[in-house]
Protein backbone atom coordinates (compact mmCIF):
# COMPACT_ATOMS: atom_id res chain seq x y z
CA UNK A 1 -2.81 12.32 3.21
CA UNK A 2 -2.29 15.90 4.36
CA UNK A 3 0.53 17.12 6.58
CA UNK A 4 -0.46 16.97 10.26
CA UNK A 5 1.23 20.32 10.97
CA UNK A 6 0.29 22.73 8.19
CA UNK A 7 -2.71 20.72 6.95
CA UNK A 8 -2.07 22.18 3.48
CA UNK A 9 0.60 20.14 1.72
CA UNK A 10 0.69 16.44 0.92
CA UNK A 11 2.52 14.45 3.61
CA UNK A 12 5.66 12.91 2.13
CA UNK A 13 7.60 12.19 5.32
CA UNK A 14 6.20 9.50 7.59
CA UNK A 15 7.91 9.05 10.94
CA UNK A 16 7.22 6.17 13.28
CA UNK A 17 8.56 6.31 16.80
CA UNK A 18 8.21 3.45 19.28
CA UNK A 19 8.97 4.26 22.88
CA UNK A 20 8.29 1.70 25.62
CA UNK A 21 6.04 -0.24 23.27
CA UNK A 22 3.93 2.83 22.41
CA UNK A 23 3.82 3.48 18.66
CA UNK A 24 3.44 7.07 17.45
CA UNK A 25 3.14 7.99 13.78
CA UNK A 26 3.68 11.49 12.39
CA UNK A 27 2.90 12.45 8.80
CA UNK A 28 4.50 15.67 7.58
CA UNK A 29 5.18 17.51 4.34
CA UNK A 30 8.86 17.95 3.54
CA UNK A 31 8.84 21.62 4.57
CA UNK A 32 7.33 20.93 8.01
CA UNK A 33 9.65 17.95 8.46
CA UNK A 34 12.66 20.20 7.84
CA UNK A 35 11.37 22.62 10.48
CA UNK A 36 10.54 19.85 12.92
CA UNK A 37 12.60 19.70 16.07
CA UNK A 38 12.31 15.92 15.86
CA UNK A 39 14.74 15.98 12.95
CA UNK A 40 17.05 18.33 14.91
CA UNK A 41 17.97 20.55 11.97
CA UNK A 42 16.46 23.11 9.61
CA UNK A 43 18.73 22.01 6.78
CA UNK A 44 18.22 18.26 7.10
CA UNK A 45 18.62 16.46 3.77
CA UNK A 46 15.59 14.19 3.41
CA UNK A 47 16.71 12.49 0.21
CA UNK A 48 16.79 8.74 -0.29
CA UNK A 49 20.57 8.94 -0.54
CA UNK A 50 20.85 10.54 2.89
CA UNK A 51 18.55 7.90 4.36
CA UNK A 52 20.58 5.09 2.81
CA UNK A 53 23.82 6.73 3.88
CA UNK A 54 22.51 6.96 7.45
CA UNK A 55 21.59 3.28 7.45
CA UNK A 56 24.95 2.27 6.01
CA UNK A 57 27.04 4.39 8.36
CA UNK A 58 24.94 3.54 11.40
CA UNK A 59 25.59 -0.16 10.82
CA UNK A 60 29.40 0.08 10.67
CA UNK A 61 31.42 -1.02 13.64
CA UNK A 62 34.29 1.30 14.59
CA UNK A 63 36.78 -1.34 13.43
CA UNK A 64 35.19 -1.67 9.98
CA UNK A 65 34.80 2.08 9.56
CA UNK A 66 38.44 2.76 10.37
CA UNK A 67 39.51 -0.09 8.08
CA UNK A 68 37.53 1.34 5.20
CA UNK A 69 38.71 4.90 5.67
CA UNK A 70 42.34 4.41 6.81
CA UNK A 71 43.67 1.25 5.18
CA UNK A 72 44.81 2.64 1.81
CA UNK A 73 46.26 -0.52 0.24
CA UNK A 74 43.48 -2.93 1.28
CA UNK A 75 40.52 -0.54 0.93
CA UNK A 76 37.64 -1.92 -1.16
CA UNK A 77 37.65 0.27 -4.28
CA UNK A 78 35.94 -0.01 -7.66
CA UNK A 79 38.70 -0.26 -10.32
CA UNK A 80 36.44 1.35 -12.95
CA UNK A 81 35.46 4.62 -11.23
CA UNK A 82 37.71 4.66 -8.17
CA UNK A 83 34.87 4.88 -5.64
CA UNK A 84 35.57 3.20 -2.31
CA UNK A 85 32.94 1.33 -0.35
CA UNK A 86 33.38 3.93 2.37
CA UNK A 87 32.51 6.70 -0.14
CA UNK A 88 29.48 4.68 -1.20
CA UNK A 89 28.31 4.58 2.41
CA UNK A 90 28.74 8.35 2.66
CA UNK A 91 26.89 9.19 -0.56
CA UNK A 92 24.44 6.29 -0.79
CA UNK A 93 25.04 6.17 -4.56
CA UNK A 94 27.23 3.98 -6.74
CA UNK A 95 29.89 5.62 -8.91
CA UNK A 96 29.33 3.31 -11.89
CA UNK A 97 27.65 0.09 -12.96
CA UNK A 98 30.65 -2.03 -11.88
CA UNK A 99 30.41 -0.87 -8.23
CA UNK A 100 27.53 -3.27 -7.63
CA UNK A 101 29.70 -6.25 -8.62
CA UNK A 102 32.76 -4.99 -6.72
CA UNK A 103 30.82 -4.30 -3.50
CA UNK A 104 28.57 -7.38 -3.88
CA UNK A 105 29.74 -9.18 -0.72
CA UNK A 106 29.27 -6.07 1.42
CA UNK A 107 25.87 -5.44 -0.17
CA UNK A 108 24.70 -8.96 0.66
CA UNK A 109 25.62 -8.30 4.30
CA UNK A 110 23.80 -4.96 4.14
CA UNK A 111 20.64 -6.46 2.60
CA UNK A 112 20.64 -9.21 5.20
CA UNK A 113 20.87 -6.64 8.02
CA UNK A 114 18.11 -4.47 6.58
CA UNK A 115 15.70 -7.13 5.27
CA UNK A 116 16.69 -10.18 7.28
CA UNK A 117 17.50 -12.06 4.06
CA UNK A 118 19.53 -11.54 0.89
CA UNK A 119 16.87 -13.02 -1.38
CA UNK A 120 13.55 -11.35 -2.08
CA UNK A 121 10.73 -13.85 -1.69
CA UNK A 122 8.00 -11.43 -2.64
CA UNK A 123 4.31 -11.68 -2.05
CA UNK A 124 1.41 -12.90 -4.08
CA UNK A 125 -1.72 -10.83 -4.66
CA UNK A 126 -4.46 -12.06 -2.35
CA UNK A 127 -6.56 -13.41 -5.23
CA UNK A 128 -3.60 -15.38 -6.63
CA UNK A 129 -2.70 -16.71 -3.20
CA UNK A 130 -6.30 -17.85 -2.65
CA UNK A 131 -6.25 -19.55 -6.06
CA UNK A 132 -3.05 -21.42 -5.13
CA UNK A 133 -4.59 -22.53 -1.83
CA UNK A 134 -7.74 -23.77 -3.57
CA UNK A 135 -5.73 -25.63 -6.22
CA UNK A 136 -3.67 -27.23 -3.46
CA UNK A 137 -6.84 -28.27 -1.65
CA UNK A 138 -8.27 -29.78 -4.86
CA UNK A 139 -5.03 -31.66 -5.44
CA UNK A 140 -5.15 -33.12 -1.92
CA UNK A 141 -8.79 -34.09 -2.37
CA UNK A 142 -7.99 -35.85 -5.66
CA UNK A 143 -5.31 -37.89 -3.90
CA UNK A 144 -7.81 -38.80 -1.15
CA UNK A 145 -10.36 -39.76 -3.82
CA UNK A 146 -7.83 -42.01 -5.60
CA UNK A 147 -6.96 -43.67 -2.30
CA UNK A 148 -10.66 -44.25 -1.58
CA UNK A 149 -11.14 -45.80 -5.05
CA UNK A 150 -8.12 -48.07 -4.55
CA UNK A 151 -9.66 -49.24 -1.27
CA UNK A 152 -12.98 -49.66 -3.11
CA UNK A 153 -14.64 -47.17 -0.78
CA UNK A 154 -16.77 -45.70 -3.57
CA UNK A 155 -19.15 -43.81 -1.29
CA UNK A 156 -16.28 -41.81 0.21
CA UNK A 157 -14.80 -41.29 -3.27
CA UNK A 158 -18.17 -39.92 -4.46
CA UNK A 159 -18.32 -37.52 -1.49
CA UNK A 160 -14.82 -36.26 -2.24
CA UNK A 161 -15.70 -35.91 -5.94
CA UNK A 162 -18.71 -33.80 -4.98
CA UNK A 163 -16.51 -31.60 -2.74
CA UNK A 164 -14.12 -31.06 -5.66
CA UNK A 165 -17.00 -30.10 -7.98
CA UNK A 166 -18.39 -27.70 -5.36
CA UNK A 167 -15.01 -26.01 -4.91
CA UNK A 168 -14.55 -25.70 -8.69
CA UNK A 169 -18.01 -24.21 -9.16
CA UNK A 170 -17.33 -21.70 -6.36
CA UNK A 171 -14.12 -20.72 -8.14
CA UNK A 172 -15.97 -20.23 -11.42
CA UNK A 173 -18.60 -18.07 -9.72
CA UNK A 174 -15.88 -15.93 -8.13
CA UNK A 175 -14.17 -15.52 -11.51
CA UNK A 176 -17.44 -14.52 -13.19
CA UNK A 177 -18.13 -11.89 -10.50
CA UNK A 178 -14.68 -10.31 -10.91
C-alpha cells in the first residue's frame, strides 16, 4: 500500500483514529509520518521500542511511577544487569535474558492490560477450523446413530449413517480440489 501523502513510498505507519464513533484510517510512509502534524513532532521516534515505552508509561498510575523511580531500596531491579523495571518502561527493551523472569509479575499485568488475557489462545486457519467443526458434527451424528440403534430405530440410524457418508464424501471432494 502506498503512502496517502506522497503516493511514492510504501506505507509503513498505519494510524487509526476514532472520534465520536467515526473511524478514520491514515496510511503513511515513515518520512511523511515524521512530518505529520498528527504526530506533533518532526523528530518523533517511530520505533517499536518507543511504541512499547509509550504503552508502558501511559499505563502507570502516578503512585506506581513514583514508587518505581523514587523508592531506591524496594525498586524492582534485575540482579544480573541492574536494569530497573522503570528503565525497562522507558526503553521498551530488556537489559538481559533474566529481566523477563525478574519482571514476570509486572509483565503479566501488562499483557493482561494490552491483550485482555495473559495466555495466548491463538487462532486456527479457516480450513482447519472447518475441519474441526465437521469432525465434531460427525462425532455427534455417530452418537445419535448409536442411540437410534440401541432404541432399535434402524430407519433413523440409516438416515444418520447416510448423512455421515455424505459429509465425509464432501470433505474428500474438498480435499481433492485443494
